[in-house]
Amino acid sequence: MKPLNSPLLSSVFFGLLLFILPVSLRSQEPLTMETYLSYVKKHHPFVKQAQLKLTESEVKLLKQRGEFDPKLSFDQKQKTFNGTTYYKKEEARLSIPSYYGITLDATMQQAEGNYLNPENTVSGERLLGVGASIELGRGLLSNPRQTVLKQAKLFTQQAKEENALEINEILTAASHSYLDWYKNYLVYKIFDQFVSNAKFRFEGVKIRMENGDLALIDTIEARIAYNQRRLDRENAHLEWQKKALNASNYLWIEQEAVVINETLYPEVNEEKFFQRYTTDTIIIENHPKLRALGFKQNKMLLEQRLQRNNLLPQVSLHYQWLSLIHKSRSCLERRTR
């Protein structure tokens, strides 16, 4: 951590900081609560870490959505020996899984050779097949692909709520530190005014003593009161700087920890503050923690539904339409599997 008021680093580091910070954070200007919290939310390492968890959930959702992408495959087998082609088989397949457990597929087959298995003989032409399959028992109401995708969506929503909860906790702690800094700054300003009043009184008593209106003891008493006020102001100043250091724990700029020095002072618009941070009604159901737990519960219910569906018998129906393509003519053959 690099203190801005260090005798060795203040001139160099603060000069560089002027190019990094916007106008609102430059020297001799107030650091408002809104600006302070915006930098906490944008640059604090814990906030970025919470964002990484949200990104991870979105990547998992994208991965599960990829399970429903069409799959294209091509298979070729060939055997040739001593100039004789024993067999040559080619098959191209396109499979399209759907959300509700129905799978569409299309195939293109071609086989030839002197020692070809009879079941693969299609007169040297191509065999086109288009079909679909559906689960009538296990997998009808719930299947693993569908369940995992729903859970991934719920996990993303849960991650958003947990992300908001973690960010709110950091912003809450940062707000308390800032308000402590602001409170002690006001206390320092009050004691500074006390010092001015005590100094004015001391100078007045001193003039009256010189004119003979007051005794010397009155001047001594006024000086003691003036010095006591100066001591109180110094203690208030130290406490103000201590709270500034606490507020600096949440302030990061471009991955660099920054310490607030005396060139910046807190400023709070109390009217806007009470409008933003007070409420007459509280909707407890909208709390991020409760919403995150609700999404987690829904994921468990989906898993329970899948396990119950796995108790059903496994019954599947597959239909395939076949067409044998010739050079000069085509014939149609239907087969049900």
C-alpha atoms as a PDB file:
ATOM      1  CA  MET A   1       0.000   0.000   0.000  1.00  0.00           C
ATOM      2  CA  LYS A   2       1.426   3.388  -0.999  1.00  0.00           C
ATOM      3  CA  PRO A   3       0.428   6.334   1.243  1.00  0.00           C
ATOM      4  CA  LEU A   4      -0.190   9.490  -0.682  1.00  0.00           C
ATOM      5  CA  ASN A   5       1.180  11.643   2.165  1.00  0.00           C
ATOM      6  CA  SER A   6       4.553   9.843   2.403  1.00  0.00           C
ATOM      7  CA  PRO A   7       7.447  12.352   2.313  1.00  0.00           C
ATOM      8  CA  LEU A   8       9.318  10.257  -0.265  1.00  0.00           C
ATOM      9  CA  LEU A   9       6.479   9.148  -2.533  1.00  0.00           C
ATOM     10  CA  SER A  10       3.874  11.897  -2.352  1.00  0.00           C
ATOM     11  CA  SER A  11       5.341  14.083  -5.096  1.00  0.00           C
ATOM     12  CA  VAL A  12       5.959  11.241  -7.541  1.00  0.00           C
ATOM     13  CA  PHE A  13       2.993   8.946  -6.833  1.00  0.00           C
ATOM     14  CA  PHE A  14       0.404  11.684  -6.499  1.00  0.00           C
ATOM     15  CA  GLY A  15       1.632  13.197  -9.746  1.00  0.00           C
ATOM     16  CA  LEU A  16       1.038   9.871 -11.482  1.00  0.00           C
ATOM     17  CA  LEU A  17      -2.302   9.502  -9.728  1.00  0.00           C
ATOM     18  CA  LEU A  18      -3.533  12.700 -11.335  1.00  0.00           C
ATOM     19  CA  PHE A  19      -3.406  10.946 -14.711  1.00  0.00           C
ATOM     20  CA  ILE A  20      -5.235   7.877 -13.356  1.00  0.00           C
ATOM     21  CA  LEU A  21      -7.966   9.486 -11.303  1.00  0.00           C
ATOM     22  CA  PRO A  22     -10.769  11.477 -12.878  1.00  0.00           C
ATOM     23  CA  VAL A  23     -11.336  15.123 -12.064  1.00  0.00           C
ATOM     24  CA  SER A  24     -13.563  14.240  -9.074  1.00  0.00           C
ATOM     25  CA  LEU A  25     -10.606  12.625  -7.266  1.00  0.00           C
ATOM     26  CA  ARG A  26      -7.950  15.254  -7.913  1.00  0.00           C
ATOM     27  CA  SER A  27      -6.355  17.285  -5.143  1.00  0.00           C
ATOM     28  CA  GLN A  28      -8.198  20.054  -3.299  1.00  0.00           C
ATOM     29  CA  GLU A  29     -11.555  18.576  -4.217  1.00  0.00           C
ATOM     30  CA  PRO A  30     -14.166  16.679  -2.232  1.00  0.00           C
ATOM     31  CA  LEU A  31     -14.523  12.938  -2.534  1.00  0.00           C
ATOM     32  CA  THR A  32     -18.272  12.379  -2.579  1.00  0.00           C
ATOM     33  CA  MET A  33     -19.836   9.207  -1.273  1.00  0.00           C
ATOM     34  CA  GLU A  34     -21.240   8.332  -4.694  1.00  0.00           C
ATOM     35  CA  THR A  35     -17.811   8.626  -6.331  1.00  0.00           C
ATOM     36  CA  TYR A  36     -16.164   6.667  -3.530  1.00  0.00           C
ATOM     37  CA  LEU A  37     -18.647   3.779  -3.775  1.00  0.00           C
ATOM     38  CA  SER A  38     -18.460   3.757  -7.571  1.00  0.00           C
ATOM     39  CA  TYR A  39     -14.708   3.151  -7.390  1.00  0.00           C
ATOM     40  CA  VAL A  40     -15.167   0.485  -4.742  1.00  0.00           C
ATOM     41  CA  LYS A  41     -17.680  -1.298  -6.955  1.00  0.00           C
ATOM     42  CA  LYS A  42     -15.518  -0.976 -10.057  1.00  0.00           C
ATOM     43  CA  HIS A  43     -12.009  -1.712  -8.770  1.00  0.00           C
ATOM     44  CA  HIS A  44     -12.204  -3.585  -5.465  1.00  0.00           C
ATOM     45  CA  PRO A  45     -10.606  -7.074  -5.822  1.00  0.00           C
ATOM     46  CA  PHE A  46     -13.420  -8.838  -3.955  1.00  0.00           C
ATOM     47  CA  VAL A  47     -15.999  -7.301  -6.293  1.00  0.00           C
ATOM     48  CA  LYS A  48     -14.046  -8.566  -9.298  1.00  0.00           C
ATOM     49  CA  GLN A  49     -13.798 -11.982  -7.685  1.00  0.00           C
ATOM     50  CA  ALA A  50     -17.579 -12.061  -7.266  1.00  0.00           C
ATOM     51  CA  GLN A  51     -17.946 -11.178 -10.945  1.00  0.00           C
ATOM     52  CA  LEU A  52     -15.721 -14.149 -11.857  1.00  0.00           C
ATOM     53  CA  LYS A  53     -18.154 -16.510 -10.111  1.00  0.00           C
ATOM     54  CA  LEU A  54     -20.981 -15.060 -12.182  1.00  0.00           C
ATOM     55  CA  THR A  55     -18.950 -15.521 -15.364  1.00  0.00           C
ATOM     56  CA  GLU A  56     -18.259 -19.135 -14.385  1.00  0.00           C
ATOM     57  CA  SER A  57     -21.990 -19.832 -14.072  1.00  0.00           C
ATOM     58  CA  GLU A  58     -22.635 -18.313 -17.507  1.00  0.00           C
ATOM     59  CA  VAL A  59     -19.915 -20.528 -19.010  1.00  0.00           C
ATOM     60  CA  LYS A  60     -21.532 -23.611 -17.470  1.00  0.00           C
ATOM     61  CA  LEU A  61     -24.899 -22.595 -18.915  1.00  0.00           C
ATOM     62  CA  LEU A  62     -23.337 -22.170 -22.367  1.00  0.00           C
ATOM     63  CA  LYS A  63     -21.762 -25.622 -22.053  1.00  0.00           C
ATOM     64  CA  GLN A  64     -25.094 -27.269 -21.210  1.00  0.00           C
ATOM     65  CA  ARG A  65     -26.822 -25.499 -24.092  1.00  0.00           C
ATOM     66  CA  GLY A  66     -24.165 -27.010 -26.325  1.00  0.00           C
ATOM     67  CA  GLU A  67     -25.593 -30.456 -25.533  1.00  0.00           C
ATOM     68  CA  PHE A  68     -28.526 -29.571 -27.821  1.00  0.00           C
ATOM     69  CA  ASP A  69     -26.358 -28.521 -30.756  1.00  0.00           C
ATOM     70  CA  PRO A  70     -26.636 -30.657 -33.931  1.00  0.00           C
ATOM     71  CA  LYS A  71     -23.940 -33.314 -34.225  1.00  0.00           C
ATOM     72  CA  LEU A  72     -22.490 -34.234 -37.613  1.00  0.00           C
ATOM     73  CA  SER A  73     -20.288 -37.320 -37.997  1.00  0.00           C
ATOM     74  CA  PHE A  74     -18.688 -39.196 -40.878  1.00  0.00           C
ATOM     75  CA  ASP A  75     -17.387 -42.780 -40.745  1.00  0.00           C
ATOM     76  CA  GLN A  76     -15.431 -44.578 -43.470  1.00  0.00           C
ATOM     77  CA  LYS A  77     -14.102 -48.138 -43.453  1.00  0.00           C
ATOM     78  CA  GLN A  78     -12.158 -49.730 -46.288  1.00  0.00           C
ATOM     79  CA  LYS A  79     -10.153 -52.913 -46.853  1.00  0.00           C
ATOM     80  CA  THR A  80      -8.028 -53.476 -49.963  1.00  0.00           C
ATOM     81  CA  PHE A  81      -5.575 -56.373 -50.470  1.00  0.00           C
ATOM     82  CA  ASN A  82      -3.615 -57.411 -53.570  1.00  0.00           C
ATOM     83  CA  GLY A  83      -5.572 -54.976 -55.698  1.00  0.00           C
ATOM     84  CA  THR A  84      -8.902 -56.405 -54.559  1.00  0.00           C
ATOM     85  CA  THR A  85     -11.386 -54.205 -52.724  1.00  0.00           C
ATOM     86  CA  TYR A  86     -12.896 -56.379 -50.014  1.00  0.00           C
ATOM     87  CA  TYR A  87     -15.260 -53.673 -48.819  1.00  0.00           C
ATOM     88  CA  LYS A  88     -15.655 -49.924 -48.672  1.00  0.00           C
ATOM     89  CA  LYS A  89     -18.312 -48.430 -46.394  1.00  0.00           C
ATOM     90  CA  GLU A  90     -19.145 -44.767 -45.852  1.00  0.00           C
ATOM     91  CA  GLU A  91     -21.737 -43.292 -43.515  1.00  0.00           C
ATOM     92  CA  ALA A  92     -22.601 -39.663 -42.774  1.00  0.00           C
ATOM     93  CA  ARG A  93     -24.944 -38.959 -39.842  1.00  0.00           C
ATOM     94  CA  LEU A  94     -26.658 -35.821 -38.581  1.00  0.00           C
ATOM     95  CA  SER A  95     -28.298 -35.961 -35.144  1.00  0.00           C
ATOM     96  CA  ILE A  96     -30.404 -33.152 -33.673  1.00  0.00           C
ATOM     97  CA  PRO A  97     -31.392 -33.611 -30.002  1.00  0.00           C
ATOM     98  CA  SER A  98     -34.389 -31.642 -28.775  1.00  0.00           C
ATOM     99  CA  TYR A  99     -35.326 -30.194 -25.401  1.00  0.00           C
ATOM    100  CA  TYR A 100     -38.224 -32.608 -24.835  1.00  0.00           C
ATOM    101  CA  GLY A 101     -36.321 -35.837 -25.407  1.00  0.00           C
ATOM    102  CA  ILE A 102     -37.099 -36.270 -29.113  1.00  0.00           C
ATOM    103  CA  THR A 103     -34.032 -36.872 -31.287  1.00  0.00           C
ATOM    104  CA  LEU A 104     -34.090 -36.312 -35.050  1.00  0.00           C
ATOM    105  CA  ASP A 105     -31.469 -37.971 -37.198  1.00  0.00           C
ATOM    106  CA  ALA A 106     -30.550 -38.282 -40.863  1.00  0.00           C
ATOM    107  CA  THR A 107     -28.080 -40.746 -42.400  1.00  0.00           C
ATOM    108  CA  MET A 108     -26.457 -41.256 -45.792  1.00  0.00           C
ATOM    109  CA  GLN A 109     -24.853 -44.673 -46.400  1.00  0.00           C
ATOM    110  CA  GLN A 110     -22.885 -46.106 -49.283  1.00  0.00           C
ATOM    111  CA  ALA A 111     -21.186 -49.518 -49.455  1.00  0.00           C
ATOM    112  CA  GLU A 112     -19.437 -51.536 -52.166  1.00  0.00           C
ATOM    113  CA  GLY A 113     -16.885 -54.326 -52.488  1.00  0.00           C
ATOM    114  CA  ASN A 114     -16.386 -57.954 -53.549  1.00  0.00           C
ATOM    115  CA  TYR A 115     -16.721 -59.385 -50.031  1.00  0.00           C
ATOM    116  CA  LEU A 116     -19.291 -57.026 -48.582  1.00  0.00           C
ATOM    117  CA  ASN A 117     -21.599 -58.241 -45.824  1.00  0.00           C
ATOM    118  CA  PRO A 118     -25.009 -58.887 -47.439  1.00  0.00           C
ATOM    119  CA  GLU A 119     -26.802 -56.696 -44.904  1.00  0.00           C
ATOM    120  CA  ASN A 120     -24.751 -53.727 -46.129  1.00  0.00           C
ATOM    121  CA  THR A 121     -25.332 -54.407 -49.836  1.00  0.00           C
ATOM    122  CA  VAL A 122     -27.271 -51.580 -51.470  1.00  0.00           C
ATOM    123  CA  SER A 123     -26.332 -52.287 -55.102  1.00  0.00           C
ATOM    124  CA  GLY A 124     -23.508 -49.781 -54.996  1.00  0.00           C
ATOM    125  CA  GLU A 125     -25.915 -46.892 -54.527  1.00  0.00           C
ATOM    126  CA  ARG A 126     -26.591 -44.554 -51.632  1.00  0.00           C
ATOM    127  CA  LEU A 127     -29.105 -45.202 -48.885  1.00  0.00           C
ATOM    128  CA  LEU A 128     -30.789 -42.152 -47.366  1.00  0.00           C
ATOM    129  CA  GLY A 129     -32.488 -42.420 -43.980  1.00  0.00           C
ATOM    130  CA  VAL A 130     -34.461 -39.848 -41.993  1.00  0.00           C
ATOM    131  CA  GLY A 131     -35.918 -40.758 -38.628  1.00  0.00           C
ATOM    132  CA  ALA A 132     -36.814 -39.782 -35.097  1.00  0.00           C
ATOM    133  CA  SER A 133     -36.764 -41.422 -31.682  1.00  0.00           C
ATOM    134  CA  ILE A 134     -38.733 -40.666 -28.523  1.00  0.00           C
ATOM    135  CA  GLU A 135     -38.711 -42.052 -25.012  1.00  0.00           C
ATOM    136  CA  LEU A 136     -42.147 -43.241 -23.870  1.00  0.00           C
ATOM    137  CA  GLY A 137     -41.161 -44.329 -20.357  1.00  0.00           C
ATOM    138  CA  ARG A 138     -37.988 -43.231 -18.673  1.00  0.00           C
ATOM    139  CA  GLY A 139     -36.977 -39.849 -20.070  1.00  0.00           C
ATOM    140  CA  LEU A 140     -40.453 -38.814 -21.233  1.00  0.00           C
ATOM    141  CA  LEU A 141     -41.274 -36.328 -18.473  1.00  0.00           C
ATOM    142  CA  SER A 142     -37.697 -35.622 -17.463  1.00  0.00           C
ATOM    143  CA  ASN A 143     -34.364 -36.508 -19.008  1.00  0.00           C
ATOM    144  CA  PRO A 144     -30.767 -35.782 -17.985  1.00  0.00           C
ATOM    145  CA  ARG A 145     -30.092 -33.226 -20.743  1.00  0.00           C
ATOM    146  CA  GLN A 146     -33.240 -31.267 -19.950  1.00  0.00           C
ATOM    147  CA  THR A 147     -32.640 -31.385 -16.191  1.00  0.00           C
ATOM    148  CA  VAL A 148     -29.010 -30.299 -16.401  1.00  0.00           C
ATOM    149  CA  LEU A 149     -29.915 -27.370 -18.663  1.00  0.00           C
ATOM    150  CA  LYS A 150     -32.657 -26.207 -16.261  1.00  0.00           C
ATOM    151  CA  GLN A 151     -30.254 -26.537 -13.348  1.00  0.00           C
ATOM    152  CA  ALA A 152     -27.627 -24.526 -15.224  1.00  0.00           C
ATOM    153  CA  LYS A 153     -30.151 -21.717 -15.769  1.00  0.00           C
ATOM    154  CA  LEU A 154     -31.085 -21.769 -12.077  1.00  0.00           C
ATOM    155  CA  PHE A 155     -27.406 -21.834 -11.127  1.00  0.00           C
ATOM    156  CA  THR A 156     -26.824 -18.694 -13.201  1.00  0.00           C
ATOM    157  CA  GLN A 157     -29.720 -16.934 -11.477  1.00  0.00           C
ATOM    158  CA  GLN A 158     -28.447 -18.131  -8.101  1.00  0.00           C
ATOM    159  CA  ALA A 159     -24.962 -16.845  -8.937  1.00  0.00           C
ATOM    160  CA  LYS A 160     -26.417 -13.424  -9.808  1.00  0.00           C
ATOM    161  CA  GLU A 161     -28.122 -13.197  -6.417  1.00  0.00           C
ATOM    162  CA  GLU A 162     -25.016 -14.393  -4.567  1.00  0.00           C
ATOM    163  CA  ASN A 163     -22.942 -11.923  -6.578  1.00  0.00           C
ATOM    164  CA  ALA A 164     -25.290  -9.097  -5.598  1.00  0.00           C
ATOM    165  CA  LEU A 165     -25.155 -10.247  -1.965  1.00  0.00           C
ATOM    166  CA  GLU A 166     -21.343 -10.260  -1.856  1.00  0.00           C
ATOM    167  CA  ILE A 167     -21.127  -6.870  -3.559  1.00  0.00           C
ATOM    168  CA  ASN A 168     -23.732  -5.435  -1.181  1.00  0.00           C
ATOM    169  CA  GLU A 169     -21.732  -6.672   1.811  1.00  0.00           C
ATOM    170  CA  ILE A 170     -18.590  -4.990   0.496  1.00  0.00           C
ATOM    171  CA  LEU A 171     -20.439  -1.761  -0.319  1.00  0.00           C
ATOM    172  CA  THR A 172     -22.094  -1.772   3.100  1.00  0.00           C
ATOM    173  CA  ALA A 173     -18.763  -2.096   4.890  1.00  0.00           C
ATOM    174  CA  ALA A 174     -17.257   0.579   2.634  1.00  0.00           C
ATOM    175  CA  SER A 175     -20.222   2.896   3.314  1.00  0.00           C
ATOM    176  CA  HIS A 176     -19.766   2.530   7.082  1.00  0.00           C
ATOM    177  CA  SER A 177     -16.069   3.340   6.762  1.00  0.00           C
ATOM    178  CA  TYR A 178     -16.826   6.362   4.605  1.00  0.00           C
ATOM    179  CA  LEU A 179     -19.484   7.662   7.017  1.00  0.00           C
ATOM    180  CA  ASP A 180     -17.071   7.250   9.943  1.00  0.00           C
ATOM    181  CA  TRP A 181     -14.546   9.261   7.951  1.00  0.00           C
ATOM    182  CA  TYR A 182     -17.209  11.900   7.234  1.00  0.00           C
ATOM    183  CA  LYS A 183     -18.323  12.053  10.878  1.00  0.00           C
ATOM    184  CA  ASN A 184     -14.795  12.562  12.178  1.00  0.00           C
ATOM    185  CA  TYR A 185     -14.165  15.157   9.492  1.00  0.00           C
ATOM    186  CA  LEU A 186     -17.145  17.133  10.801  1.00  0.00           C
ATOM    187  CA  VAL A 187     -15.846  16.709  14.358  1.00  0.00           C
ATOM    188  CA  TYR A 188     -12.485  18.067  13.253  1.00  0.00           C
ATOM    189  CA  LYS A 189     -14.159  21.062  11.612  1.00  0.00           C
ATOM    190  CA  ILE A 190     -16.046  21.770  14.847  1.00  0.00           C
ATOM    191  CA  PHE A 191     -12.867  21.641  16.926  1.00  0.00           C
ATOM    192  CA  ASP A 192     -11.146  23.836  14.360  1.00  0.00           C
ATOM    193  CA  GLN A 193     -13.872  26.399  14.915  1.00  0.00           C
ATOM    194  CA  PHE A 194     -13.397  26.004  18.669  1.00  0.00           C
ATOM    195  CA  VAL A 195      -9.715  26.826  18.216  1.00  0.00           C
ATOM    196  CA  SER A 196     -10.591  29.952  16.237  1.00  0.00           C
ATOM    197  CA  ASN A 197     -13.004  31.071  18.947  1.00  0.00           C
ATOM    198  CA  ALA A 198     -10.503  30.342  21.720  1.00  0.00           C
ATOM    199  CA  LYS A 199      -7.792  32.246  19.848  1.00  0.00           C
ATOM    200  CA  PHE A 200     -10.128  35.221  19.343  1.00  0.00           C
ATOM    201  CA  ARG A 201     -10.984  35.208  23.059  1.00  0.00           C
ATOM    202  CA  PHE A 202      -7.343  34.927  24.090  1.00  0.00           C
ATOM    203  CA  GLU A 203      -6.327  37.864  21.909  1.00  0.00           C
ATOM    204  CA  GLY A 204      -9.225  39.922  23.282  1.00  0.00           C
ATOM    205  CA  VAL A 205      -8.363  39.103  26.891  1.00  0.00           C
ATOM    206  CA  LYS A 206      -4.730  39.911  26.183  1.00  0.00           C
ATOM    207  CA  ILE A 207      -5.642  43.363  24.800  1.00  0.00           C
ATOM    208  CA  ARG A 208      -7.908  44.069  27.804  1.00  0.00           C
ATOM    209  CA  MET A 209      -5.121  42.977  30.150  1.00  0.00           C
ATOM    210  CA  GLU A 210      -2.725  45.385  28.439  1.00  0.00           C
ATOM    211  CA  ASN A 211      -5.306  48.151  28.855  1.00  0.00           C
ATOM    212  CA  GLY A 212      -5.685  47.283  32.527  1.00  0.00           C
ATOM    213  CA  ASP A 213      -9.268  45.996  32.355  1.00  0.00           C
ATOM    214  CA  LEU A 214      -8.325  42.395  33.336  1.00  0.00           C
ATOM    215  CA  ALA A 215      -5.690  40.761  35.500  1.00  0.00           C
ATOM    216  CA  LEU A 216      -2.795  38.675  34.245  1.00  0.00           C
ATOM    217  CA  ILE A 217      -4.436  35.503  35.586  1.00  0.00           C
ATOM    218  CA  ASP A 218      -7.268  35.988  33.098  1.00  0.00           C
ATOM    219  CA  THR A 219      -4.745  35.972  30.258  1.00  0.00           C
ATOM    220  CA  ILE A 220      -3.176  32.771  31.582  1.00  0.00           C
ATOM    221  CA  GLU A 221      -6.593  31.136  31.832  1.00  0.00           C
ATOM    222  CA  ALA A 222      -7.458  32.178  28.263  1.00  0.00           C
ATOM    223  CA  ARG A 223      -4.110  30.835  26.994  1.00  0.00           C
ATOM    224  CA  ILE A 224      -4.684  27.499  28.764  1.00  0.00           C
ATOM    225  CA  ALA A 225      -8.166  27.240  27.207  1.00  0.00           C
ATOM    226  CA  TYR A 226      -6.691  28.095  23.791  1.00  0.00           C
ATOM    227  CA  ASN A 227      -3.974  25.445  24.086  1.00  0.00           C
ATOM    228  CA  GLN A 228      -6.521  22.886  25.269  1.00  0.00           C
ATOM    229  CA  ARG A 229      -8.660  23.555  22.216  1.00  0.00           C
ATOM    230  CA  ARG A 230      -5.603  23.143  19.994  1.00  0.00           C
ATOM    231  CA  LEU A 231      -4.880  19.808  21.671  1.00  0.00           C
ATOM    232  CA  ASP A 232      -8.475  18.691  21.147  1.00  0.00           C
ATOM    233  CA  ARG A 233      -8.268  19.691  17.504  1.00  0.00           C
ATOM    234  CA  GLU A 234      -5.066  17.702  17.058  1.00  0.00           C
ATOM    235  CA  ASN A 235      -6.702  14.618  18.589  1.00  0.00           C
ATOM    236  CA  ALA A 236      -9.702  15.089  16.297  1.00  0.00           C
ATOM    237  CA  HIS A 237      -7.320  15.456  13.355  1.00  0.00           C
ATOM    238  CA  LEU A 238      -5.570  12.179  14.237  1.00  0.00           C
ATOM    239  CA  GLU A 239      -8.909  10.398  14.543  1.00  0.00           C
ATOM    240  CA  TRP A 240      -9.997  11.850  11.204  1.00  0.00           C
ATOM    241  CA  GLN A 241      -6.850  10.562   9.516  1.00  0.00           C
ATOM    242  CA  LYS A 242      -7.321   7.171  11.178  1.00  0.00           C
ATOM    243  CA  LYS A 243     -10.817   6.890   9.711  1.00  0.00           C
ATOM    244  CA  ALA A 244      -9.468   8.025   6.342  1.00  0.00           C
ATOM    245  CA  LEU A 245      -7.056   5.094   6.417  1.00  0.00           C
ATOM    246  CA  ASN A 246      -9.933   2.726   7.219  1.00  0.00           C
ATOM    247  CA  ALA A 247     -11.894   4.109   4.270  1.00  0.00           C
ATOM    248  CA  SER A 248      -8.818   3.663   2.078  1.00  0.00           C
ATOM    249  CA  ASN A 249      -8.923  -0.095   2.629  1.00  0.00           C
ATOM    250  CA  TYR A 250     -11.772  -0.280   0.102  1.00  0.00           C
ATOM    251  CA  LEU A 251     -10.331   2.140  -2.447  1.00  0.00           C
ATOM    252  CA  TRP A 252      -8.380   0.668  -5.356  1.00  0.00           C
ATOM    253  CA  ILE A 253      -7.424   2.322  -8.634  1.00  0.00           C
ATOM    254  CA  GLU A 254      -6.172   0.208 -11.541  1.00  0.00           C
ATOM    255  CA  GLN A 255      -5.215  -2.708  -9.236  1.00  0.00           C
ATOM    256  CA  GLU A 256      -3.244  -0.325  -7.006  1.00  0.00           C
ATOM    257  CA  ALA A 257      -4.166   0.284  -3.360  1.00  0.00           C
ATOM    258  CA  VAL A 258      -4.556   4.001  -2.604  1.00  0.00           C
ATOM    259  CA  VAL A 259      -4.478   5.844   0.727  1.00  0.00           C
ATOM    260  CA  ILE A 260      -6.586   8.972   1.092  1.00  0.00           C
ATOM    261  CA  ASN A 261      -4.595  11.994   2.238  1.00  0.00           C
ATOM    262  CA  GLU A 262      -5.620  15.406   3.523  1.00  0.00           C
ATOM    263  CA  THR A 263      -6.012  16.850   0.048  1.00  0.00           C
ATOM    264  CA  LEU A 264      -9.306  14.962  -0.199  1.00  0.00           C
ATOM    265  CA  TYR A 265     -12.203  15.411   2.173  1.00  0.00           C
ATOM    266  CA  PRO A 266     -15.579  13.637   2.373  1.00  0.00           C
ATOM    267  CA  GLU A 267     -18.755  15.290   1.221  1.00  0.00           C
ATOM    268  CA  VAL A 268     -22.277  13.925   1.702  1.00  0.00           C
ATOM    269  CA  ASN A 269     -25.496  15.441   0.426  1.00  0.00           C
ATOM    270  CA  GLU A 270     -27.633  14.557   3.420  1.00  0.00           C
ATOM    271  CA  GLU A 271     -30.945  15.116   1.612  1.00  0.00           C
ATOM    272  CA  LYS A 272     -30.050  12.717  -1.200  1.00  0.00           C
ATOM    273  CA  PHE A 273     -28.519  10.328   1.322  1.00  0.00           C
ATOM    274  CA  PHE A 274     -31.756   9.931   3.284  1.00  0.00           C
ATOM    275  CA  GLN A 275     -33.784   9.605   0.094  1.00  0.00           C
ATOM    276  CA  ARG A 276     -31.543   6.814  -1.204  1.00  0.00           C
ATOM    277  CA  TYR A 277     -30.802   4.852   1.952  1.00  0.00           C
ATOM    278  CA  THR A 278     -34.120   4.972   3.800  1.00  0.00           C
ATOM    279  CA  THR A 279     -37.364   3.159   3.029  1.00  0.00           C
ATOM    280  CA  ASP A 280     -40.829   2.868   4.530  1.00  0.00           C
ATOM    281  CA  THR A 281     -41.505  -0.671   3.295  1.00  0.00           C
ATOM    282  CA  ILE A 282     -39.296  -3.749   3.355  1.00  0.00           C
ATOM    283  CA  ILE A 283     -40.031  -6.659   1.011  1.00  0.00           C
ATOM    284  CA  ILE A 284     -38.130  -9.478   2.645  1.00  0.00           C
ATOM    285  CA  GLU A 285     -38.811 -11.830  -0.281  1.00  0.00           C
ATOM    286  CA  ASN A 286     -36.576  -9.707  -2.520  1.00  0.00           C
ATOM    287  CA  HIS A 287     -33.516 -10.251  -0.341  1.00  0.00           C
ATOM    288  CA  PRO A 288     -30.700 -11.781  -2.459  1.00  0.00           C
ATOM    289  CA  LYS A 289     -30.001 -14.451   0.152  1.00  0.00           C
ATOM    290  CA  LEU A 290     -33.591 -15.727   0.136  1.00  0.00           C
ATOM    291  CA  ARG A 291     -33.781 -15.609  -3.652  1.00  0.00           C
ATOM    292  CA  ALA A 292     -30.512 -17.551  -3.948  1.00  0.00           C
ATOM    293  CA  LEU A 293     -31.825 -20.196  -1.550  1.00  0.00           C
ATOM    294  CA  GLY A 294     -35.019 -20.394  -3.606  1.00  0.00           C
ATOM    295  CA  PHE A 295     -33.078 -21.119  -6.800  1.00  0.00           C
ATOM    296  CA  LYS A 296     -31.012 -23.725  -4.947  1.00  0.00           C
ATOM    297  CA  GLN A 297     -34.192 -25.415  -3.735  1.00  0.00           C
ATOM    298  CA  ASN A 298     -35.596 -25.502  -7.275  1.00  0.00           C
ATOM    299  CA  LYS A 299     -32.421 -27.236  -8.479  1.00  0.00           C
ATOM    300  CA  MET A 300     -32.877 -29.929  -5.849  1.00  0.00           C
ATOM    301  CA  LEU A 301     -36.523 -30.388  -6.886  1.00  0.00           C
ATOM    302  CA  LEU A 302     -35.437 -30.908 -10.496  1.00  0.00           C
ATOM    303  CA  GLU A 303     -32.947 -33.547  -9.373  1.00  0.00           C
ATOM    304  CA  GLN A 304     -35.664 -35.260  -7.320  1.00  0.00           C
ATOM    305  CA  ARG A 305     -38.012 -35.279 -10.308  1.00  0.00           C
ATOM    306  CA  LEU A 306     -35.308 -36.839 -12.505  1.00  0.00           C
ATOM    307  CA  GLN A 307     -34.602 -39.597  -9.972  1.00  0.00           C
ATOM    308  CA  ARG A 308     -38.307 -40.432  -9.738  1.00  0.00           C
ATOM    309  CA  ASN A 309     -38.567 -40.543 -13.527  1.00  0.00           C
ATOM    310  CA  ASN A 310     -35.637 -43.000 -13.619  1.00  0.00           C
ATOM    311  CA  LEU A 311     -37.846 -45.509 -11.770  1.00  0.00           C
ATOM    312  CA  LEU A 312     -40.062 -45.857 -14.862  1.00  0.00           C
ATOM    313  CA  PRO A 313     -39.423 -48.668 -17.370  1.00  0.00           C
ATOM    314  CA  GLN A 314     -37.268 -47.821 -20.361  1.00  0.00           C
ATOM    315  CA  VAL A 315     -39.432 -47.791 -23.503  1.00  0.00           C
ATOM    316  CA  SER A 316     -38.298 -46.077 -26.698  1.00  0.00           C
ATOM    317  CA  LEU A 317     -39.919 -45.687 -30.117  1.00  0.00           C
ATOM    318  CA  HIS A 318     -37.808 -45.203 -33.228  1.00  0.00           C
ATOM    319  CA  TYR A 319     -39.079 -44.562 -36.743  1.00  0.00           C
ATOM    320  CA  GLN A 320     -36.859 -44.307 -39.830  1.00  0.00           C
ATOM    321  CA  TRP A 321     -37.773 -43.505 -43.416  1.00  0.00           C
ATOM    322  CA  LEU A 322     -35.388 -45.100 -45.953  1.00  0.00           C
ATOM    323  CA  SER A 323     -34.857 -44.251 -49.584  1.00  0.00           C
ATOM    324  CA  LEU A 324     -32.518 -46.040 -51.981  1.00  0.00           C
ATOM    325  CA  ILE A 325     -31.092 -43.569 -54.486  1.00  0.00           C
ATOM    326  CA  HIS A 326     -30.267 -44.942 -57.981  1.00  0.00           C
ATOM    327  CA  LYS A 327     -28.683 -43.126 -60.864  1.00  0.00           C
ATOM    328  CA  SER A 328     -31.730 -43.590 -63.094  1.00  0.00           C
ATOM    329  CA  ARG A 329     -34.562 -44.327 -60.649  1.00  0.00           C
ATOM    330  CA  SER A 330     -35.343 -44.426 -56.936  1.00  0.00           C
ATOM    331  CA  CYS A 331     -37.281 -46.846 -54.851  1.00  0.00           C
ATOM    332  CA  LEU A 332     -38.821 -46.296 -51.444  1.00  0.00           C
ATOM    333  CA  GLU A 333     -38.605 -48.582 -48.484  1.00  0.00           C
ATOM    334  CA  ARG A 334     -40.115 -48.013 -45.093  1.00  0.00           C
ATOM    335  CA  ARG A 335     -38.860 -49.671 -42.016  1.00  0.00           C
ATOM    336  CA  THR A 336     -39.949 -49.321 -38.412  1.00  0.00           C
ATOM    337  CA  ARG A 337     -37.587 -50.157 -35.620  1.00  0.00           C
END
